[in-house]
Amino acid sequence: MPTEFSFYVPTKLVSEANMREHWAIKNKRKKGQQRAVELVWLAQRIRVAPPVVVHLTRVGVRKLDSDNLAGSAKGVRDQIAKLIGVDDGDERKVRWEYSQRKGLPRQYGLEVRIVEVDR
């Protein structure tokens, strides 16, 4: 039976595709998202072995289109891949899935579900 981990990260994922902001602001947001993921990961003592399927669900006030959805999660995707110990582009070791749902007013977050795939 595959091992599965689920956790919630209180962070705001935004579409950066059309934003005109200083690089330092974008970097600060990305680092904050990555740190939030890392803290929850370490607190729950998550250990997974590739290959895995990682499903990221963005919780937000408005929905994004599919390319902006994936782009908004790039920083957390990089961090999760680092914590698992894989290259985020290695499709043999990790498959990424994205979805989103509307939250309550001013509710933002990220739901992460990781499932180990039978080898």
C-alpha atoms as a PDB file:
ATOM      1  CA  MET A   1       0.000   0.000   0.000  1.00  0.00           C
ATOM      2  CA  PRO A   2       1.498   3.385  -0.996  1.00  0.00           C
ATOM      3  CA  THR A   3       2.510   5.821   1.710  1.00  0.00           C
ATOM      4  CA  GLU A   4       0.727   9.168   1.626  1.00  0.00           C
ATOM      5  CA  PHE A   5       1.396  12.481   3.357  1.00  0.00           C
ATOM      6  CA  SER A   6      -0.865  15.524   3.384  1.00  0.00           C
ATOM      7  CA  PHE A   7      -0.264  18.902   4.937  1.00  0.00           C
ATOM      8  CA  TYR A   8      -1.405  22.516   4.766  1.00  0.00           C
ATOM      9  CA  VAL A   9       0.923  25.490   4.384  1.00  0.00           C
ATOM     10  CA  PRO A  10      -0.413  28.952   5.276  1.00  0.00           C
ATOM     11  CA  THR A  11       1.142  30.830   2.371  1.00  0.00           C
ATOM     12  CA  LYS A  12      -0.182  32.938  -0.474  1.00  0.00           C
ATOM     13  CA  LEU A  13       0.532  31.767  -4.028  1.00  0.00           C
ATOM     14  CA  VAL A  14       0.115  34.551  -6.576  1.00  0.00           C
ATOM     15  CA  SER A  15       0.404  34.733 -10.342  1.00  0.00           C
ATOM     16  CA  GLU A  16       3.613  36.584 -11.138  1.00  0.00           C
ATOM     17  CA  ALA A  17       3.180  36.439 -14.924  1.00  0.00           C
ATOM     18  CA  ASN A  18       1.989  40.013 -15.368  1.00  0.00           C
ATOM     19  CA  MET A  19       3.264  41.573 -12.152  1.00  0.00           C
ATOM     20  CA  ARG A  20       5.599  44.519 -12.432  1.00  0.00           C
ATOM     21  CA  GLU A  21       7.524  44.494  -9.207  1.00  0.00           C
ATOM     22  CA  HIS A  22      11.125  44.661  -8.118  1.00  0.00           C
ATOM     23  CA  TRP A  23      13.060  41.384  -8.219  1.00  0.00           C
ATOM     24  CA  ALA A  24      13.804  41.634  -4.493  1.00  0.00           C
ATOM     25  CA  ILE A  25      10.088  41.624  -3.653  1.00  0.00           C
ATOM     26  CA  LYS A  26       9.530  38.498  -5.771  1.00  0.00           C
ATOM     27  CA  ASN A  27      12.549  36.835  -4.193  1.00  0.00           C
ATOM     28  CA  LYS A  28      11.379  37.654  -0.660  1.00  0.00           C
ATOM     29  CA  ARG A  29       7.940  36.164  -1.395  1.00  0.00           C
ATOM     30  CA  LYS A  30       9.476  32.993  -2.883  1.00  0.00           C
ATOM     31  CA  LYS A  31      11.852  32.532   0.060  1.00  0.00           C
ATOM     32  CA  GLY A  32       8.956  33.005   2.498  1.00  0.00           C
ATOM     33  CA  GLN A  33       6.885  30.364   0.685  1.00  0.00           C
ATOM     34  CA  GLN A  34       9.814  27.956   0.648  1.00  0.00           C
ATOM     35  CA  ARG A  35      10.540  28.487   4.338  1.00  0.00           C
ATOM     36  CA  ALA A  36       6.876  27.907   5.227  1.00  0.00           C
ATOM     37  CA  VAL A  37       6.907  24.590   3.323  1.00  0.00           C
ATOM     38  CA  GLU A  38      10.156  23.549   4.978  1.00  0.00           C
ATOM     39  CA  LEU A  39       8.886  24.321   8.501  1.00  0.00           C
ATOM     40  CA  VAL A  40       5.730  22.236   8.052  1.00  0.00           C
ATOM     41  CA  TRP A  41       7.743  19.431   6.410  1.00  0.00           C
ATOM     42  CA  LEU A  42      10.211  19.288   9.296  1.00  0.00           C
ATOM     43  CA  ALA A  43       7.507  19.600  11.971  1.00  0.00           C
ATOM     44  CA  GLN A  44       5.678  16.583  10.525  1.00  0.00           C
ATOM     45  CA  ARG A  45       8.922  14.642  10.008  1.00  0.00           C
ATOM     46  CA  ILE A  46       8.006  13.691   6.478  1.00  0.00           C
ATOM     47  CA  ARG A  47      10.122  11.043   4.778  1.00  0.00           C
ATOM     48  CA  VAL A  48       9.281   9.944   1.250  1.00  0.00           C
ATOM     49  CA  ALA A  49      11.103   7.847  -1.314  1.00  0.00           C
ATOM     50  CA  PRO A  50      10.778   8.448  -5.055  1.00  0.00           C
ATOM     51  CA  PRO A  51       8.951   7.869  -7.277  1.00  0.00           C
ATOM     52  CA  VAL A  52       6.155  10.072  -5.958  1.00  0.00           C
ATOM     53  CA  VAL A  53       3.151  12.049  -7.126  1.00  0.00           C
ATOM     54  CA  VAL A  54       2.916  15.533  -5.609  1.00  0.00           C
ATOM     55  CA  HIS A  55      -0.464  17.222  -5.793  1.00  0.00           C
ATOM     56  CA  LEU A  56      -0.495  20.941  -5.007  1.00  0.00           C
ATOM     57  CA  THR A  57      -3.830  22.635  -4.341  1.00  0.00           C
ATOM     58  CA  ARG A  58      -3.780  26.431  -4.230  1.00  0.00           C
ATOM     59  CA  VAL A  59      -6.363  27.957  -1.902  1.00  0.00           C
ATOM     60  CA  GLY A  60      -7.229  31.514  -2.832  1.00  0.00           C
ATOM     61  CA  VAL A  61      -9.879  34.150  -3.234  1.00  0.00           C
ATOM     62  CA  ARG A  62      -9.847  34.002  -7.047  1.00  0.00           C
ATOM     63  CA  LYS A  63      -9.010  31.187  -9.414  1.00  0.00           C
ATOM     64  CA  LEU A  64      -6.031  31.355 -11.781  1.00  0.00           C
ATOM     65  CA  ASP A  65      -5.812  29.908 -15.273  1.00  0.00           C
ATOM     66  CA  SER A  66      -3.753  26.717 -15.613  1.00  0.00           C
ATOM     67  CA  ASP A  67      -0.414  28.232 -16.679  1.00  0.00           C
ATOM     68  CA  ASN A  68      -0.558  30.901 -13.966  1.00  0.00           C
ATOM     69  CA  LEU A  69      -1.529  28.231 -11.426  1.00  0.00           C
ATOM     70  CA  ALA A  70       1.598  26.204 -12.159  1.00  0.00           C
ATOM     71  CA  GLY A  71       3.743  29.345 -12.199  1.00  0.00           C
ATOM     72  CA  SER A  72       2.425  30.517  -8.841  1.00  0.00           C
ATOM     73  CA  ALA A  73       3.650  27.275  -7.261  1.00  0.00           C
ATOM     74  CA  LYS A  74       7.156  27.274  -8.772  1.00  0.00           C
ATOM     75  CA  GLY A  75       8.924  28.248  -5.550  1.00  0.00           C
ATOM     76  CA  VAL A  76       7.164  25.632  -3.438  1.00  0.00           C
ATOM     77  CA  ARG A  77       7.665  23.025  -6.164  1.00  0.00           C
ATOM     78  CA  ASP A  78      11.423  23.684  -6.070  1.00  0.00           C
ATOM     79  CA  GLN A  79      11.450  23.425  -2.273  1.00  0.00           C
ATOM     80  CA  ILE A  80       9.456  20.180  -2.140  1.00  0.00           C
ATOM     81  CA  ALA A  81      11.736  18.621  -4.761  1.00  0.00           C
ATOM     82  CA  LYS A  82      14.748  19.680  -2.692  1.00  0.00           C
ATOM     83  CA  LEU A  83      13.255  18.161   0.480  1.00  0.00           C
ATOM     84  CA  ILE A  84      12.494  14.891  -1.332  1.00  0.00           C
ATOM     85  CA  GLY A  85      15.985  14.910  -2.850  1.00  0.00           C
ATOM     86  CA  VAL A  86      15.054  14.954  -6.544  1.00  0.00           C
ATOM     87  CA  ASP A  87      15.284  17.264  -9.540  1.00  0.00           C
ATOM     88  CA  ASP A  88      11.829  18.802  -9.980  1.00  0.00           C
ATOM     89  CA  GLY A  89      11.985  18.066 -13.712  1.00  0.00           C
ATOM     90  CA  ASP A  90      12.812  14.351 -13.417  1.00  0.00           C
ATOM     91  CA  GLU A  91       9.541  12.745 -14.483  1.00  0.00           C
ATOM     92  CA  ARG A  92      10.807   9.280 -13.525  1.00  0.00           C
ATOM     93  CA  LYS A  93      11.021  10.311  -9.872  1.00  0.00           C
ATOM     94  CA  VAL A  94       8.275  12.904  -9.401  1.00  0.00           C
ATOM     95  CA  ARG A  95       5.017  13.797 -11.124  1.00  0.00           C
ATOM     96  CA  TRP A  96       3.413  17.163 -10.372  1.00  0.00           C
ATOM     97  CA  GLU A  97      -0.332  17.770 -10.342  1.00  0.00           C
ATOM     98  CA  TYR A  98      -2.070  21.082  -9.714  1.00  0.00           C
ATOM     99  CA  SER A  99      -5.542  22.131  -8.675  1.00  0.00           C
ATOM    100  CA  GLN A 100      -7.150  25.020  -6.864  1.00  0.00           C
ATOM    101  CA  ARG A 101     -10.165  25.856  -4.803  1.00  0.00           C
ATOM    102  CA  LYS A 102     -11.715  29.003  -3.503  1.00  0.00           C
ATOM    103  CA  GLY A 103     -11.166  29.783   0.137  1.00  0.00           C
ATOM    104  CA  LEU A 104     -13.028  32.024   2.479  1.00  0.00           C
ATOM    105  CA  PRO A 105     -12.552  35.784   2.065  1.00  0.00           C
ATOM    106  CA  ARG A 106      -8.874  36.586   2.693  1.00  0.00           C
ATOM    107  CA  GLN A 107      -8.015  32.885   3.081  1.00  0.00           C
ATOM    108  CA  TYR A 108      -4.889  31.803   1.221  1.00  0.00           C
ATOM    109  CA  GLY A 109      -2.886  28.637   1.506  1.00  0.00           C
ATOM    110  CA  LEU A 110      -1.463  25.552  -0.089  1.00  0.00           C
ATOM    111  CA  GLU A 111      -2.602  21.972   0.400  1.00  0.00           C
ATOM    112  CA  VAL A 112       0.078  19.402  -0.404  1.00  0.00           C
ATOM    113  CA  ARG A 113      -0.521  15.698  -0.936  1.00  0.00           C
ATOM    114  CA  ILE A 114       2.427  13.390  -1.643  1.00  0.00           C
ATOM    115  CA  VAL A 115       1.882   9.753  -2.580  1.00  0.00           C
ATOM    116  CA  GLU A 116       4.673   7.231  -3.008  1.00  0.00           C
ATOM    117  CA  VAL A 117       4.157   5.250  -6.194  1.00  0.00           C
ATOM    118  CA  ASP A 118       4.731   1.497  -6.213  1.00  0.00           C
ATOM    119  CA  ARG A 119       8.082   0.738  -7.779  1.00  0.00           C
END
